[in-house]
Every structure is written in structure tokens, then in C-alpha cells.
């Protein structure tokens, strides 16, 4: 029972941090947000953090960023279908942005999520390390060529 509670509070904490940061980003960049964006941001932060449970530290940071950008785009699409199209809340509309799907997601924002995911990955990893005693983060950045010891940098 103690482990279940610890796990629950860990993910609740990460959800709240991710949701708060997402709303702050929206307020700074758009000047407004919607309470549902805290939920969407929290879900994205937790899902991206779960990559630690699937992939090893041997995965490059670029690979993690790619997967996170796809996760965020998928959550954004599903959320957009529910919030904007089904409920008509009109929280966002990418219809005027190139390469959009139903105005809910677009390629430029998927690219943006790729770059935003880097600090999110690092923040999640360090929050887990500092507050929950998980492994100290370290990252592999493939610089080029074949993936061997001579062509990798390790950052801790």
C-alpha cells in the first residue's frame, strides 16, 4: 500500500508540475490559457516521463525528443477533437497554419514540441531524481557517424 501511495503522489506531483508549466508557457506566449490546458499539459508531461520506464538511458536525447513530440501531438489532437470540435470550446485553432489536420494539430507545432520536449525531459528526470530517489539523469547525444564510444557524448 505504501508503494502504491508513493507512486500515486509521484505522478500527481509530476502531473501538476507539467500542467502548471504548460499554462505558464501559454500565458507568456499567447497571453491567455484555459484550465483544460493544465490537464493536457499534465498528461503530456507524465506520458513523456514514462519513456524512462520503456527506454534505457542508452536512447539518445534526440530519440526521446522525437517520441515526446509525437506523444504531445497525439494528445493535442485527441484533446482538440474533444474540447474544440465536440464541445465547441474554441481553445485553439490551427486552421490558418500550414500542414494542419482539422485545425487541431499542425506540423510547425509538432516541430515546436520537439524542441520544448528537451527541457521537459531533463526537468522530469531531475524531479524524479531529486524528489523520488530515481537514477541520476545522464544523456547520450549522438554526434555523428556510427554509434560507438568514439562518436558519443555523455552528459550528466
C-alpha atoms as a PDB file:
ATOM      1  CA  UNK A   1       0.000   0.000   0.000  1.00  0.00           C
ATOM      2  CA  UNK A   2       2.865   2.354   0.816  1.00  0.00           C
ATOM      3  CA  UNK A   3       4.349   1.837  -2.669  1.00  0.00           C
ATOM      4  CA  UNK A   4       1.013   2.474  -4.357  1.00  0.00           C
ATOM      5  CA  UNK A   5       0.569   5.738  -2.448  1.00  0.00           C
ATOM      6  CA  UNK A   6       4.140   6.816  -3.197  1.00  0.00           C
ATOM      7  CA  UNK A   7       3.614   6.111  -6.896  1.00  0.00           C
ATOM      8  CA  UNK A   8       0.279   7.952  -6.898  1.00  0.00           C
ATOM      9  CA  UNK A   9       1.782  11.050  -5.290  1.00  0.00           C
ATOM     10  CA  UNK A  10       4.807  10.944  -7.608  1.00  0.00           C
ATOM     11  CA  UNK A  11       2.604  11.012 -10.697  1.00  0.00           C
ATOM     12  CA  UNK A  12       0.236  13.559  -9.175  1.00  0.00           C
ATOM     13  CA  UNK A  13       3.223  15.810  -8.455  1.00  0.00           C
ATOM     14  CA  UNK A  14       4.606  15.396 -11.988  1.00  0.00           C
ATOM     15  CA  UNK A  15       1.125  15.966 -13.468  1.00  0.00           C
ATOM     16  CA  UNK A  16       0.709  19.225 -11.506  1.00  0.00           C
ATOM     17  CA  UNK A  17       4.196  20.459 -12.419  1.00  0.00           C
ATOM     18  CA  UNK A  18       3.652  19.698 -16.122  1.00  0.00           C
ATOM     19  CA  UNK A  19       0.203  21.282 -16.119  1.00  0.00           C
ATOM     20  CA  UNK A  20       1.395  24.434 -14.364  1.00  0.00           C
ATOM     21  CA  UNK A  21       4.356  24.861 -16.689  1.00  0.00           C
ATOM     22  CA  UNK A  22       2.170  24.398 -19.768  1.00  0.00           C
ATOM     23  CA  UNK A  23      -0.292  27.058 -18.596  1.00  0.00           C
ATOM     24  CA  UNK A  24       2.600  29.440 -17.823  1.00  0.00           C
ATOM     25  CA  UNK A  25       4.025  28.884 -21.329  1.00  0.00           C
ATOM     26  CA  UNK A  26       0.624  29.656 -22.847  1.00  0.00           C
ATOM     27  CA  UNK A  27       0.169  32.778 -20.726  1.00  0.00           C
ATOM     28  CA  UNK A  28       3.607  34.065 -21.723  1.00  0.00           C
ATOM     29  CA  UNK A  29       3.281  33.203 -25.436  1.00  0.00           C
ATOM     30  CA  UNK A  30      -0.450  33.727 -26.080  1.00  0.00           C
ATOM     31  CA  UNK A  31      -1.483  35.951 -23.201  1.00  0.00           C
ATOM     32  CA  UNK A  32      -4.241  33.522 -22.240  1.00  0.00           C
ATOM     33  CA  UNK A  33      -4.933  29.900 -21.440  1.00  0.00           C
ATOM     34  CA  UNK A  34      -7.802  27.638 -20.453  1.00  0.00           C
ATOM     35  CA  UNK A  35      -7.998  25.412 -17.372  1.00  0.00           C
ATOM     36  CA  UNK A  36      -8.151  22.328 -19.582  1.00  0.00           C
ATOM     37  CA  UNK A  37      -4.648  23.120 -20.809  1.00  0.00           C
ATOM     38  CA  UNK A  38      -3.350  22.347 -17.316  1.00  0.00           C
ATOM     39  CA  UNK A  39      -4.874  18.881 -17.695  1.00  0.00           C
ATOM     40  CA  UNK A  40      -3.472  18.439 -21.215  1.00  0.00           C
ATOM     41  CA  UNK A  41      -0.036  19.695 -20.144  1.00  0.00           C
ATOM     42  CA  UNK A  42      -0.027  17.403 -17.118  1.00  0.00           C
ATOM     43  CA  UNK A  43      -0.958  14.393 -19.220  1.00  0.00           C
ATOM     44  CA  UNK A  44       1.776  15.180 -21.751  1.00  0.00           C
ATOM     45  CA  UNK A  45       4.416  15.670 -19.042  1.00  0.00           C
ATOM     46  CA  UNK A  46       3.555  12.374 -17.335  1.00  0.00           C
ATOM     47  CA  UNK A  47       3.411  10.425 -20.614  1.00  0.00           C
ATOM     48  CA  UNK A  48       6.754  11.813 -21.772  1.00  0.00           C
ATOM     49  CA  UNK A  49       8.238  10.997 -18.377  1.00  0.00           C
ATOM     50  CA  UNK A  50       7.055   7.413 -18.720  1.00  0.00           C
ATOM     51  CA  UNK A  51       9.562   6.996 -21.536  1.00  0.00           C
ATOM     52  CA  UNK A  52      12.013   6.289 -18.697  1.00  0.00           C
ATOM     53  CA  UNK A  53      10.054   3.124 -17.997  1.00  0.00           C
ATOM     54  CA  UNK A  54      10.227   1.976 -21.628  1.00  0.00           C
ATOM     55  CA  UNK A  55      13.613   3.063 -22.961  1.00  0.00           C
ATOM     56  CA  UNK A  56      17.032   2.774 -21.355  1.00  0.00           C
ATOM     57  CA  UNK A  57      19.472   5.601 -20.751  1.00  0.00           C
ATOM     58  CA  UNK A  58      21.206   4.374 -23.908  1.00  0.00           C
ATOM     59  CA  UNK A  59      18.498   6.057 -26.007  1.00  0.00           C
ATOM     60  CA  UNK A  60      19.717   9.357 -27.399  1.00  0.00           C
ATOM     61  CA  UNK A  61      18.100  12.559 -26.222  1.00  0.00           C
ATOM     62  CA  UNK A  62      17.090  13.221 -29.861  1.00  0.00           C
ATOM     63  CA  UNK A  63      15.136   9.964 -29.981  1.00  0.00           C
ATOM     64  CA  UNK A  64      13.383  10.809 -26.709  1.00  0.00           C
ATOM     65  CA  UNK A  65      12.535  14.270 -28.053  1.00  0.00           C
ATOM     66  CA  UNK A  66      11.071  12.758 -31.234  1.00  0.00           C
ATOM     67  CA  UNK A  67       8.885  10.337 -29.277  1.00  0.00           C
ATOM     68  CA  UNK A  68       7.771  13.140 -26.923  1.00  0.00           C
ATOM     69  CA  UNK A  69       6.825  15.407 -29.833  1.00  0.00           C
ATOM     70  CA  UNK A  70       4.693  12.606 -31.283  1.00  0.00           C
ATOM     71  CA  UNK A  71       3.070  11.925 -27.890  1.00  0.00           C
ATOM     72  CA  UNK A  72       2.294  15.623 -27.375  1.00  0.00           C
ATOM     73  CA  UNK A  73       0.887  15.934 -30.896  1.00  0.00           C
ATOM     74  CA  UNK A  74      -1.328  12.874 -30.355  1.00  0.00           C
ATOM     75  CA  UNK A  75      -2.607  14.180 -27.003  1.00  0.00           C
ATOM     76  CA  UNK A  76      -3.193  17.589 -28.580  1.00  0.00           C
ATOM     77  CA  UNK A  77      -5.151  16.014 -31.441  1.00  0.00           C
ATOM     78  CA  UNK A  78      -7.350  13.904 -29.170  1.00  0.00           C
ATOM     79  CA  UNK A  79      -7.875  16.851 -26.804  1.00  0.00           C
ATOM     80  CA  UNK A  80      -8.685  19.129 -29.721  1.00  0.00           C
ATOM     81  CA  UNK A  81     -11.244  16.701 -31.090  1.00  0.00           C
ATOM     82  CA  UNK A  82     -12.941  16.518 -27.692  1.00  0.00           C
ATOM     83  CA  UNK A  83     -12.592  20.101 -26.439  1.00  0.00           C
ATOM     84  CA  UNK A  84     -12.687  22.152 -29.620  1.00  0.00           C
ATOM     85  CA  UNK A  85     -14.724  20.090 -32.050  1.00  0.00           C
ATOM     86  CA  UNK A  86     -17.089  18.069 -29.831  1.00  0.00           C
ATOM     87  CA  UNK A  87     -17.631  20.643 -27.052  1.00  0.00           C
ATOM     88  CA  UNK A  88     -17.002  23.718 -29.239  1.00  0.00           C
ATOM     89  CA  UNK A  89     -14.747  25.434 -26.684  1.00  0.00           C
ATOM     90  CA  UNK A  90     -12.528  27.010 -29.389  1.00  0.00           C
ATOM     91  CA  UNK A  91      -9.439  26.917 -27.174  1.00  0.00           C
ATOM     92  CA  UNK A  92      -7.119  26.816 -30.191  1.00  0.00           C
ATOM     93  CA  UNK A  93      -7.433  26.679 -33.951  1.00  0.00           C
ATOM     94  CA  UNK A  94      -4.529  25.925 -36.262  1.00  0.00           C
ATOM     95  CA  UNK A  95      -6.662  26.138 -39.414  1.00  0.00           C
ATOM     96  CA  UNK A  96      -4.590  29.044 -40.767  1.00  0.00           C
ATOM     97  CA  UNK A  97      -1.274  27.267 -40.167  1.00  0.00           C
ATOM     98  CA  UNK A  98       0.162  25.106 -42.966  1.00  0.00           C
ATOM     99  CA  UNK A  99       0.035  21.324 -42.719  1.00  0.00           C
ATOM    100  CA  UNK A 100      -2.781  21.220 -40.166  1.00  0.00           C
ATOM    101  CA  UNK A 101      -5.276  18.431 -39.543  1.00  0.00           C
ATOM    102  CA  UNK A 102      -8.775  19.672 -38.744  1.00  0.00           C
ATOM    103  CA  UNK A 103      -7.208  22.793 -37.243  1.00  0.00           C
ATOM    104  CA  UNK A 104      -6.246  20.802 -34.139  1.00  0.00           C
ATOM    105  CA  UNK A 105      -2.624  19.886 -34.874  1.00  0.00           C
ATOM    106  CA  UNK A 106      -0.081  21.128 -37.362  1.00  0.00           C
ATOM    107  CA  UNK A 107       3.446  20.293 -38.423  1.00  0.00           C
ATOM    108  CA  UNK A 108       5.019  23.562 -37.164  1.00  0.00           C
ATOM    109  CA  UNK A 109       3.743  22.868 -33.644  1.00  0.00           C
ATOM    110  CA  UNK A 110       4.950  19.266 -33.771  1.00  0.00           C
ATOM    111  CA  UNK A 111       8.407  20.689 -34.527  1.00  0.00           C
ATOM    112  CA  UNK A 112       7.979  23.153 -31.651  1.00  0.00           C
ATOM    113  CA  UNK A 113       7.037  20.284 -29.289  1.00  0.00           C
ATOM    114  CA  UNK A 114      10.237  18.520 -30.356  1.00  0.00           C
ATOM    115  CA  UNK A 115      12.354  21.395 -29.065  1.00  0.00           C
ATOM    116  CA  UNK A 116      10.224  22.118 -25.990  1.00  0.00           C
ATOM    117  CA  UNK A 117      10.436  18.458 -25.014  1.00  0.00           C
ATOM    118  CA  UNK A 118      14.206  18.694 -24.351  1.00  0.00           C
ATOM    119  CA  UNK A 119      13.900  20.821 -21.202  1.00  0.00           C
ATOM    120  CA  UNK A 120      10.769  18.868 -20.219  1.00  0.00           C
ATOM    121  CA  UNK A 121      12.655  15.563 -20.409  1.00  0.00           C
ATOM    122  CA  UNK A 122      15.515  16.925 -18.329  1.00  0.00           C
ATOM    123  CA  UNK A 123      13.158  18.519 -15.787  1.00  0.00           C
ATOM    124  CA  UNK A 124      11.152  15.298 -15.401  1.00  0.00           C
ATOM    125  CA  UNK A 125      14.311  13.231 -14.970  1.00  0.00           C
ATOM    126  CA  UNK A 126      15.759  15.571 -12.337  1.00  0.00           C
ATOM    127  CA  UNK A 127      12.468  15.878 -10.449  1.00  0.00           C
ATOM    128  CA  UNK A 128      12.370  12.079 -10.268  1.00  0.00           C
ATOM    129  CA  UNK A 129      16.000  12.041  -9.081  1.00  0.00           C
ATOM    130  CA  UNK A 130      15.692  14.852  -6.515  1.00  0.00           C
ATOM    131  CA  UNK A 131      12.279  14.034  -5.041  1.00  0.00           C
ATOM    132  CA  UNK A 132      11.782  10.318  -5.633  1.00  0.00           C
ATOM    133  CA  UNK A 133      15.283   8.876  -5.449  1.00  0.00           C
ATOM    134  CA  UNK A 134      15.373   7.590  -9.007  1.00  0.00           C
ATOM    135  CA  UNK A 135      18.577   7.190 -11.001  1.00  0.00           C
ATOM    136  CA  UNK A 136      20.625  10.319 -11.624  1.00  0.00           C
ATOM    137  CA  UNK A 137      19.950  11.516 -15.173  1.00  0.00           C
ATOM    138  CA  UNK A 138      22.558  11.115 -17.869  1.00  0.00           C
ATOM    139  CA  UNK A 139      22.084  11.571 -21.575  1.00  0.00           C
ATOM    140  CA  UNK A 140      23.650  10.336 -24.767  1.00  0.00           C
ATOM    141  CA  UNK A 141      23.959  12.705 -27.677  1.00  0.00           C
ATOM    142  CA  UNK A 142      24.999  11.031 -30.898  1.00  0.00           C
ATOM    143  CA  UNK A 143      27.283  13.468 -32.671  1.00  0.00           C
ATOM    144  CA  UNK A 144      27.592  11.621 -35.961  1.00  0.00           C
ATOM    145  CA  UNK A 145      28.875   8.529 -37.633  1.00  0.00           C
ATOM    146  CA  UNK A 146      28.421   5.060 -36.215  1.00  0.00           C
ATOM    147  CA  UNK A 147      27.034   4.846 -32.679  1.00  0.00           C
ATOM    148  CA  UNK A 148      30.147   3.786 -30.793  1.00  0.00           C
ATOM    149  CA  UNK A 149      32.160   5.158 -27.893  1.00  0.00           C
ATOM    150  CA  UNK A 150      34.184   7.473 -30.146  1.00  0.00           C
ATOM    151  CA  UNK A 151      31.082   9.199 -31.516  1.00  0.00           C
ATOM    152  CA  UNK A 152      29.001   9.827 -28.411  1.00  0.00           C
ATOM    153  CA  UNK A 153      28.948  12.425 -25.730  1.00  0.00           C
ATOM    154  CA  UNK A 154      27.600  11.637 -22.309  1.00  0.00           C
ATOM    155  CA  UNK A 155      26.112  14.442 -20.269  1.00  0.00           C
ATOM    156  CA  UNK A 156      25.262  14.088 -16.580  1.00  0.00           C
END
